[in-house]
């Protein structure tokens, strides 16, 4: 991994002002639901 990639990864931790909070919550809820489904299937 290049140093530039590491730096951009650290920067991406900060919430992007472009994305509304509700949208971010929606996405994380969808990911959470997927993980729950995955755990149920096992």
PDB file of N, CA and C in Angstrom:
ATOM      1  N   UNK A   1       0.846  -1.205   0.000  1.00  0.00           N
ATOM      2  CA  UNK A   1       0.000   0.000   0.000  1.00  0.00           C
ATOM      3  C   UNK A   1       0.881   1.254   0.000  1.00  0.00           C
ATOM      4  N   UNK A   2       0.521   2.180  -0.843  1.00  0.00           N
ATOM      5  CA  UNK A   2       1.315   3.414  -0.922  1.00  0.00           C
ATOM      6  C   UNK A   2       0.984   4.333   0.252  1.00  0.00           C
ATOM      7  N   UNK A   3       1.951   5.208   0.564  1.00  0.00           N
ATOM      8  CA  UNK A   3       1.731   6.146   1.671  1.00  0.00           C
ATOM      9  C   UNK A   3       0.529   7.038   1.401  1.00  0.00           C
ATOM     10  N   UNK A   4       0.377   7.430   0.130  1.00  0.00           N
ATOM     11  CA  UNK A   4      -0.745   8.314  -0.222  1.00  0.00           C
ATOM     12  C   UNK A   4      -2.073   7.619   0.106  1.00  0.00           C
ATOM     13  N   UNK A   5      -2.152   6.311  -0.174  1.00  0.00           N
ATOM     14  CA  UNK A   5      -3.371   5.563   0.116  1.00  0.00           C
ATOM     15  C   UNK A   5      -3.676   5.579   1.611  1.00  0.00           C
ATOM     16  N   UNK A   6      -2.632   5.401   2.403  1.00  0.00           N
ATOM     17  CA  UNK A   6      -2.821   5.393   3.860  1.00  0.00           C
ATOM     18  C   UNK A   6      -3.364   6.739   4.320  1.00  0.00           C
ATOM     19  N   UNK A   7      -2.784   7.813   3.778  1.00  0.00           N
ATOM     20  CA  UNK A   7      -3.226   9.153   4.176  1.00  0.00           C
ATOM     21  C   UNK A   7      -4.683   9.382   3.791  1.00  0.00           C
ATOM     22  N   UNK A   8      -5.056   8.973   2.582  1.00  0.00           N
ATOM     23  CA  UNK A   8      -6.437   9.198   2.144  1.00  0.00           C
ATOM     24  C   UNK A   8      -7.396   8.349   2.980  1.00  0.00           C
ATOM     25  N   UNK A   9      -6.937   7.167   3.419  1.00  0.00           N
ATOM     26  CA  UNK A   9      -7.777   6.333   4.282  1.00  0.00           C
ATOM     27  C   UNK A   9      -8.036   7.052   5.597  1.00  0.00           C
ATOM     28  N   UNK A  10      -6.990   7.650   6.170  1.00  0.00           N
ATOM     29  CA  UNK A  10      -7.151   8.374   7.430  1.00  0.00           C
ATOM     30  C   UNK A  10      -8.102   9.549   7.244  1.00  0.00           C
ATOM     31  N   UNK A  11      -7.981  10.239   6.113  1.00  0.00           N
ATOM     32  CA  UNK A  11      -8.839  11.396   5.859  1.00  0.00           C
ATOM     33  C   UNK A  11     -10.289  10.966   5.684  1.00  0.00           C
ATOM     34  N   UNK A  12     -10.505   9.789   5.104  1.00  0.00           N
ATOM     35  CA  UNK A  12     -11.872   9.355   4.829  1.00  0.00           C
ATOM     36  C   UNK A  12     -12.600   8.960   6.115  1.00  0.00           C
ATOM     37  N   UNK A  13     -11.864   8.858   7.229  1.00  0.00           N
ATOM     38  CA  UNK A  13     -12.518   8.563   8.512  1.00  0.00           C
ATOM     39  C   UNK A  13     -13.418   9.714   8.926  1.00  0.00           C
ATOM     40  N   UNK A  14     -12.999  10.928   8.567  1.00  0.00           N
ATOM     41  CA  UNK A  14     -13.809  12.095   8.920  1.00  0.00           C
ATOM     42  C   UNK A  14     -15.109  12.053   8.125  1.00  0.00           C
ATOM     43  N   UNK A  15     -16.240  12.388   8.754  1.00  0.00           N
ATOM     44  CA  UNK A  15     -17.513  12.384   8.028  1.00  0.00           C
ATOM     45  C   UNK A  15     -17.471  13.387   6.887  1.00  0.00           C
ATOM     46  N   UNK A  16     -17.935  12.956   5.734  1.00  0.00           N
ATOM     47  CA  UNK A  16     -17.933  13.861   4.579  1.00  0.00           C
ATOM     48  C   UNK A  16     -19.130  14.791   4.687  1.00  0.00           C
ATOM     49  N   UNK A  17     -18.906  16.095   4.629  1.00  0.00           N
ATOM     50  CA  UNK A  17     -20.022  17.037   4.724  1.00  0.00           C
ATOM     51  C   UNK A  17     -20.987  16.888   3.555  1.00  0.00           C
ATOM     52  N   UNK A  18     -20.497  16.346   2.436  1.00  0.00           N
ATOM     53  CA  UNK A  18     -21.344  16.211   1.249  1.00  0.00           C
ATOM     54  C   UNK A  18     -22.477  15.211   1.506  1.00  0.00           C
ATOM     55  N   UNK A  19     -22.205  14.210   2.352  1.00  0.00           N
ATOM     56  CA  UNK A  19     -23.222  13.186   2.591  1.00  0.00           C
ATOM     57  C   UNK A  19     -24.091  13.570   3.784  1.00  0.00           C
ATOM     58  N   UNK A  20     -25.388  13.634   3.585  1.00  0.00           N
ATOM     59  CA  UNK A  20     -26.294  13.930   4.708  1.00  0.00           C
ATOM     60  C   UNK A  20     -26.217  12.817   5.755  1.00  0.00           C
ATOM     61  N   UNK A  21     -26.416  13.192   7.002  1.00  0.00           N
ATOM     62  CA  UNK A  21     -26.304  12.217   8.088  1.00  0.00           C
ATOM     63  C   UNK A  21     -27.290  11.071   7.888  1.00  0.00           C
ATOM     64  N   UNK A  22     -28.503  11.405   7.481  1.00  0.00           N
ATOM     65  CA  UNK A  22     -29.528  10.372   7.341  1.00  0.00           C
ATOM     66  C   UNK A  22     -29.104   9.315   6.333  1.00  0.00           C
ATOM     67  N   UNK A  23     -28.486   9.767   5.232  1.00  0.00           N
ATOM     68  CA  UNK A  23     -28.032   8.829   4.208  1.00  0.00           C
ATOM     69  C   UNK A  23     -26.970   7.903   4.782  1.00  0.00           C
ATOM     70  N   UNK A  24     -26.055   8.468   5.549  1.00  0.00           N
ATOM     71  CA  UNK A  24     -24.990   7.665   6.156  1.00  0.00           C
ATOM     72  C   UNK A  24     -25.588   6.629   7.105  1.00  0.00           C
ATOM     73  N   UNK A  25     -26.586   7.043   7.879  1.00  0.00           N
ATOM     74  CA  UNK A  25     -27.248   6.118   8.804  1.00  0.00           C
ATOM     75  C   UNK A  25     -27.932   5.006   8.020  1.00  0.00           C
ATOM     76  N   UNK A  26     -28.605   5.382   6.930  1.00  0.00           N
ATOM     77  CA  UNK A  26     -29.284   4.395   6.090  1.00  0.00           C
ATOM     78  C   UNK A  26     -28.300   3.335   5.614  1.00  0.00           C
ATOM     79  N   UNK A  27     -27.159   3.799   5.119  1.00  0.00           N
ATOM     80  CA  UNK A  27     -26.161   2.875   4.578  1.00  0.00           C
ATOM     81  C   UNK A  27     -25.654   1.944   5.673  1.00  0.00           C
ATOM     82  N   UNK A  28     -25.343   2.497   6.838  1.00  0.00           N
ATOM     83  CA  UNK A  28     -24.809   1.656   7.907  1.00  0.00           C
ATOM     84  C   UNK A  28     -25.876   0.675   8.396  1.00  0.00           C
ATOM     85  N   UNK A  29     -27.142   1.083   8.387  1.00  0.00           N
ATOM     86  CA  UNK A  29     -28.216   0.175   8.778  1.00  0.00           C
ATOM     87  C   UNK A  29     -28.321  -0.976   7.785  1.00  0.00           C
ATOM     88  N   UNK A  30     -28.181  -0.664   6.489  1.00  0.00           N
ATOM     89  CA  UNK A  30     -28.241  -1.719   5.468  1.00  0.00           C
ATOM     90  C   UNK A  30     -27.096  -2.706   5.660  1.00  0.00           C
ATOM     91  N   UNK A  31     -25.902  -2.182   5.933  1.00  0.00           N
ATOM     92  CA  UNK A  31     -24.747  -3.056   6.135  1.00  0.00           C
ATOM     93  C   UNK A  31     -24.970  -3.927   7.368  1.00  0.00           C
ATOM     94  N   UNK A  32     -25.521  -3.327   8.418  1.00  0.00           N
ATOM     95  CA  UNK A  32     -25.801  -4.052   9.651  1.00  0.00           C
ATOM     96  C   UNK A  32     -26.805  -5.176   9.382  1.00  0.00           C
ATOM     97  N   UNK A  33     -27.838  -4.869   8.607  1.00  0.00           N
ATOM     98  CA  UNK A  33     -28.851  -5.868   8.269  1.00  0.00           C
ATOM     99  C   UNK A  33     -28.223  -7.021   7.495  1.00  0.00           C
ATOM    100  N   UNK A  34     -27.327  -6.687   6.561  1.00  0.00           N
ATOM    101  CA  UNK A  34     -26.655  -7.734   5.781  1.00  0.00           C
ATOM    102  C   UNK A  34     -25.860  -8.643   6.703  1.00  0.00           C
ATOM    103  N   UNK A  35     -25.157  -8.059   7.674  1.00  0.00           N
ATOM    104  CA  UNK A  35     -24.356  -8.861   8.590  1.00  0.00           C
ATOM    105  C   UNK A  35     -25.253  -9.756   9.436  1.00  0.00           C
ATOM    106  N   UNK A  36     -26.397  -9.244   9.857  1.00  0.00           N
ATOM    107  CA  UNK A  36     -27.331 -10.060  10.634  1.00  0.00           C
ATOM    108  C   UNK A  36     -27.805 -11.245   9.804  1.00  0.00           C
ATOM    109  N   UNK A  37     -28.149 -11.004   8.540  1.00  0.00           N
ATOM    110  CA  UNK A  37     -28.584 -12.086   7.652  1.00  0.00           C
ATOM    111  C   UNK A  37     -27.482 -13.131   7.534  1.00  0.00           C
ATOM    112  N   UNK A  38     -26.257 -12.653   7.361  1.00  0.00           N
ATOM    113  CA  UNK A  38     -25.105 -13.547   7.206  1.00  0.00           C
ATOM    114  C   UNK A  38     -24.950 -14.427   8.445  1.00  0.00           C
ATOM    115  N   UNK A  39     -25.109 -13.821   9.618  1.00  0.00           N
ATOM    116  CA  UNK A  39     -24.960 -14.584  10.857  1.00  0.00           C
ATOM    117  C   UNK A  39     -26.097 -15.590  11.008  1.00  0.00           C
ATOM    118  N   UNK A  40     -27.293 -15.223  10.577  1.00  0.00           N
ATOM    119  CA  UNK A  40     -28.437 -16.135  10.673  1.00  0.00           C
ATOM    120  C   UNK A  40     -28.221 -17.357   9.784  1.00  0.00           C
ATOM    121  N   UNK A  41     -27.626 -17.131   8.606  1.00  0.00           N
ATOM    122  CA  UNK A  41     -27.449 -18.225   7.646  1.00  0.00           C
ATOM    123  C   UNK A  41     -26.427 -19.251   8.120  1.00  0.00           C
ATOM    124  N   UNK A  42     -25.527 -18.855   9.000  1.00  0.00           N
ATOM    125  CA  UNK A  42     -24.463 -19.776   9.396  1.00  0.00           C
ATOM    126  C   UNK A  42     -24.953 -20.853  10.342  1.00  0.00           C
TER     127      UNK A  42
END
